[in-house]
Amino acid sequence: MIIYQTKNITITFLENNKYIFEIFEYIQHKTFFDTFLNNINVKDKNNFKITIFADEINTLDYLLNNDIITEMDCKHIFLFLLKQLKNLEKDHLIIPVYNLKDIIYFKMGDNYSYYFLNNSYIFNIDKSKNIIINKLFIKNEFASNELQNLFEIPNTSILATASYWSLAKLIEYCLKNINKTLLDIKYSKLYWALKKCLEKNPKHRYLIFI
């Protein structure tokens, strides 16, 4: 059974907690995939197959639709995606816009994690920390105002902090799914982290959790 599929990656459930990851064009996107994969079994030059054992692998979209997410989960989703984004930024990469179906939940025993897996939505950042937008992307409800108002590409005028806005809006949506708003978590660490990401001025946004 296929759990997740894009043009570059397929996750298939086999049996007995066994999943197969097939990653296409791994070499071209090695930096991105290596942020969350430790062991790669090479199939051929442009085809990689990975066997993973897990208690559960699902999309965030699935978890929300089945009412599995809690307030604590919202914090953990933010922290895992924050860590992934920080690692990508070190390699001058960014996720301009998040979406629910491309965030994958992995669980094995007491350990679990969340990752954004769709490398098609990964963009480079220039020396001025602007996103090098040279391909089409989907403008969803999580996209920042500056991305919503972008109508011509290529473009290098959008700061990478557009990603922080999108991540915060996604977490805000997750909270809404459990009938919570930012006011319901006011003064929590997650509240302050989201507020720093949701500054209207892109230059004043920060991705931090303290």
Protein backbone atom coordinates (compact mmCIF):
# COMPACT_ATOMS: atom_id res chain seq x y z
CA MET A 1 0.00 0.00 0.00
CA ILE A 2 1.38 3.41 -1.00
CA ILE A 3 1.49 5.80 1.98
CA TYR A 4 3.02 8.79 0.21
CA GLN A 5 4.03 9.60 -3.33
CA THR A 6 5.49 12.50 -5.31
CA LYS A 7 7.44 12.50 -8.56
CA ASN A 8 10.68 11.98 -6.62
CA ILE A 9 9.77 9.78 -3.66
CA THR A 10 7.41 6.90 -2.89
CA ILE A 11 6.76 5.35 0.53
CA THR A 12 5.13 1.93 0.41
CA PHE A 13 3.96 -0.17 3.36
CA LEU A 14 4.78 -3.84 2.89
CA GLU A 15 4.12 -5.88 6.04
CA ASN A 16 5.22 -6.34 9.66
CA ASN A 17 6.21 -2.69 10.17
CA LYS A 18 8.31 -2.76 6.99
CA TYR A 19 8.27 0.23 4.65
CA ILE A 20 10.12 0.84 1.42
CA PHE A 21 11.34 4.31 0.41
CA GLU A 22 12.16 4.80 -3.24
CA ILE A 23 13.99 8.06 -3.91
CA PHE A 24 14.56 9.17 -7.47
CA GLU A 25 17.23 11.70 -8.45
CA TYR A 26 18.88 11.29 -5.06
CA ILE A 27 22.23 12.62 -6.27
CA GLN A 28 20.67 15.90 -7.46
CA HIS A 29 18.95 16.41 -4.09
CA LYS A 30 21.43 14.68 -1.77
CA THR A 31 21.73 17.61 0.66
CA PHE A 32 17.98 17.70 1.23
CA PHE A 33 17.44 13.96 1.66
CA ASP A 34 20.49 13.55 3.89
CA THR A 35 18.97 15.89 6.48
CA PHE A 36 16.72 13.05 7.60
CA LEU A 37 18.07 9.82 6.09
CA ASN A 38 21.13 8.18 7.61
CA ASN A 39 21.49 5.00 5.57
CA ILE A 40 20.91 4.78 1.84
CA ASN A 41 20.94 1.52 -0.12
CA VAL A 42 21.90 2.32 -3.70
CA LYS A 43 19.75 0.72 -6.38
CA ASP A 44 21.42 2.42 -9.34
CA LYS A 45 22.76 5.83 -10.30
CA ASN A 46 19.43 7.69 -10.13
CA ASN A 47 17.38 5.29 -8.10
CA PHE A 48 17.69 4.66 -4.37
CA LYS A 49 15.73 2.16 -2.33
CA ILE A 50 15.64 2.27 1.46
CA THR A 51 14.06 -0.24 3.81
CA ILE A 52 12.70 1.26 7.04
CA PHE A 53 11.04 -0.48 9.97
CA ALA A 54 8.52 1.68 11.84
CA ASP A 55 5.41 1.29 13.94
CA GLU A 56 3.72 3.97 11.87
CA ILE A 57 4.37 6.27 8.93
CA ASN A 58 1.65 8.70 7.91
CA THR A 59 1.12 12.19 6.53
CA LEU A 60 0.19 15.09 8.77
CA ASP A 61 -2.91 15.49 6.64
CA TYR A 62 -3.99 11.97 7.62
CA LEU A 63 -3.34 12.58 11.32
CA LEU A 64 -5.42 15.77 11.31
CA ASN A 65 -8.28 14.22 9.37
CA ASN A 66 -8.44 11.39 11.88
CA ASP A 67 -8.24 13.66 14.96
CA ILE A 68 -4.97 12.17 16.17
CA ILE A 69 -3.14 15.48 16.81
CA THR A 70 -2.93 17.07 20.28
CA GLU A 71 -1.65 20.43 21.51
CA MET A 72 1.62 18.78 22.55
CA ASP A 73 1.91 17.31 19.06
CA CYS A 74 1.60 20.81 17.61
CA LYS A 75 4.64 21.87 19.61
CA HIS A 76 6.60 18.81 18.55
CA ILE A 77 5.71 19.31 14.87
CA PHE A 78 7.02 22.87 15.12
CA LEU A 79 10.25 21.77 16.81
CA PHE A 80 11.01 18.99 14.33
CA LEU A 81 10.32 21.20 11.32
CA LEU A 82 12.31 24.04 12.91
CA LYS A 83 15.30 21.71 13.24
CA GLN A 84 14.95 20.51 9.65
CA LEU A 85 14.66 24.08 8.37
CA LYS A 86 17.72 25.22 10.34
CA ASN A 87 19.74 22.37 8.82
CA LEU A 88 18.56 23.28 5.33
CA GLU A 89 19.45 26.95 5.86
CA LYS A 90 23.03 25.95 6.66
CA ASP A 91 23.19 24.59 3.12
CA HIS A 92 21.47 27.68 1.69
CA LEU A 93 18.16 25.89 1.13
CA ILE A 94 14.63 26.81 2.19
CA ILE A 95 11.01 25.61 2.12
CA PRO A 96 9.04 28.72 1.05
CA VAL A 97 5.58 27.19 1.56
CA TYR A 98 4.53 24.25 3.71
CA ASN A 99 1.56 21.96 3.18
CA LEU A 100 -0.05 19.18 5.18
CA LYS A 101 0.30 16.28 2.78
CA ASP A 102 4.10 16.58 2.44
CA ILE A 103 4.85 16.42 6.17
CA ILE A 104 5.48 12.84 7.21
CA TYR A 105 5.16 11.35 10.70
CA PHE A 106 7.53 8.50 11.63
CA LYS A 107 7.07 6.45 14.82
CA MET A 108 9.12 3.57 16.17
CA GLY A 109 8.63 2.63 19.81
CA ASP A 110 8.86 5.77 21.94
CA ASN A 111 10.72 7.66 19.23
CA TYR A 112 8.98 9.72 16.59
CA SER A 113 9.65 12.61 14.25
CA TYR A 114 8.13 14.82 11.57
CA TYR A 115 9.76 15.79 8.27
CA PHE A 116 8.84 17.77 5.20
CA LEU A 117 9.65 15.37 2.37
CA ASN A 118 8.77 17.01 -0.95
CA ASN A 119 12.07 18.18 -2.42
CA SER A 120 10.19 19.77 -5.36
CA TYR A 121 9.36 22.64 -2.98
CA ILE A 122 12.94 23.23 -1.88
CA PHE A 123 14.56 26.45 -3.13
CA ASN A 124 18.04 27.95 -2.89
CA ILE A 125 18.87 31.09 -0.91
CA ASP A 126 21.27 33.75 -2.18
CA LYS A 127 23.91 35.63 -0.16
CA SER A 128 21.34 38.28 0.80
CA LYS A 129 19.12 35.53 2.27
CA ASN A 130 16.55 35.97 -0.46
CA ILE A 131 14.83 32.98 -2.04
CA ILE A 132 15.93 32.21 -5.58
CA ILE A 133 12.49 31.55 -7.07
CA ASN A 134 13.08 29.98 -10.46
CA LYS A 135 10.23 27.47 -10.67
CA LEU A 136 6.52 27.34 -9.98
CA PHE A 137 5.17 26.61 -6.52
CA ILE A 138 1.71 26.25 -4.99
CA LYS A 139 0.34 29.28 -3.15
CA ASN A 140 -1.81 27.83 -0.40
CA GLU A 141 -3.31 29.31 2.76
CA PHE A 142 0.05 28.97 4.54
CA ALA A 143 1.96 31.15 2.07
CA SER A 144 3.22 34.52 3.32
CA ASN A 145 1.72 37.75 2.05
CA GLU A 146 4.80 38.52 -0.01
CA LEU A 147 4.58 35.15 -1.76
CA GLN A 148 0.83 35.54 -2.28
CA ASN A 149 1.59 38.81 -4.09
CA LEU A 150 4.34 37.35 -6.26
CA PHE A 151 3.24 36.94 -9.87
CA GLU A 152 6.46 36.87 -11.89
CA ILE A 153 9.37 34.45 -11.89
CA PRO A 154 12.32 34.25 -11.78
CA ASN A 155 12.47 36.40 -8.67
CA THR A 156 14.99 37.07 -5.89
CA SER A 157 13.16 39.73 -3.88
CA ILE A 158 11.51 37.51 -1.24
CA LEU A 159 13.33 36.99 2.04
CA ALA A 160 13.80 33.42 3.29
CA THR A 161 11.76 34.38 6.36
CA ALA A 162 8.67 33.74 4.22
CA SER A 163 9.26 30.15 5.27
CA TYR A 164 8.95 31.06 8.97
CA TRP A 165 5.54 32.61 8.33
CA SER A 166 4.37 29.52 6.46
CA LEU A 167 5.53 27.14 9.18
CA ALA A 168 3.78 29.20 11.87
CA LYS A 169 0.56 29.32 9.84
CA LEU A 170 0.67 25.56 9.45
CA ILE A 171 1.00 25.10 13.22
CA GLU A 172 -1.79 27.60 13.75
CA TYR A 173 -3.95 25.45 11.46
CA CYS A 174 -3.07 22.34 13.49
CA LEU A 175 -4.15 24.14 16.66
CA LYS A 176 -7.39 25.18 15.00
CA ASN A 177 -8.00 21.52 14.19
CA ILE A 178 -8.19 20.83 17.94
CA ASN A 179 -10.30 23.94 18.56
CA LYS A 180 -7.43 26.05 19.87
CA THR A 181 -6.23 29.51 18.88
CA LEU A 182 -3.01 31.36 19.65
CA LEU A 183 -4.82 33.08 22.51
CA ASP A 184 -5.50 29.67 24.07
CA ILE A 185 -1.78 29.01 24.34
CA LYS A 186 -0.81 32.58 25.22
CA TYR A 187 2.49 33.02 27.08
CA SER A 188 3.62 29.47 26.27
CA LYS A 189 6.95 28.92 24.53
CA LEU A 190 5.11 27.85 21.39
CA TYR A 191 3.01 31.02 21.46
CA TRP A 192 6.07 33.28 21.52
CA ALA A 193 7.84 31.23 18.85
CA LEU A 194 4.85 31.50 16.51
CA LYS A 195 4.44 35.22 17.17
CA LYS A 196 8.08 35.80 16.15
CA CYS A 197 7.44 33.95 12.89
CA LEU A 198 4.22 35.87 12.17
CA GLU A 199 5.63 39.37 12.13
CA LYS A 200 4.17 41.23 9.15
CA ASN A 201 7.56 42.70 8.27
CA PRO A 202 9.67 39.85 6.82
CA LYS A 203 12.84 41.46 8.20
CA HIS A 204 11.53 41.14 11.76
CA ARG A 205 10.71 37.42 11.67
CA TYR A 206 12.81 34.95 13.65
CA LEU A 207 12.79 31.17 13.91
CA ILE A 208 13.54 30.44 17.55
CA PHE A 209 12.11 28.45 20.45
CA ILE A 210 13.24 29.42 23.95
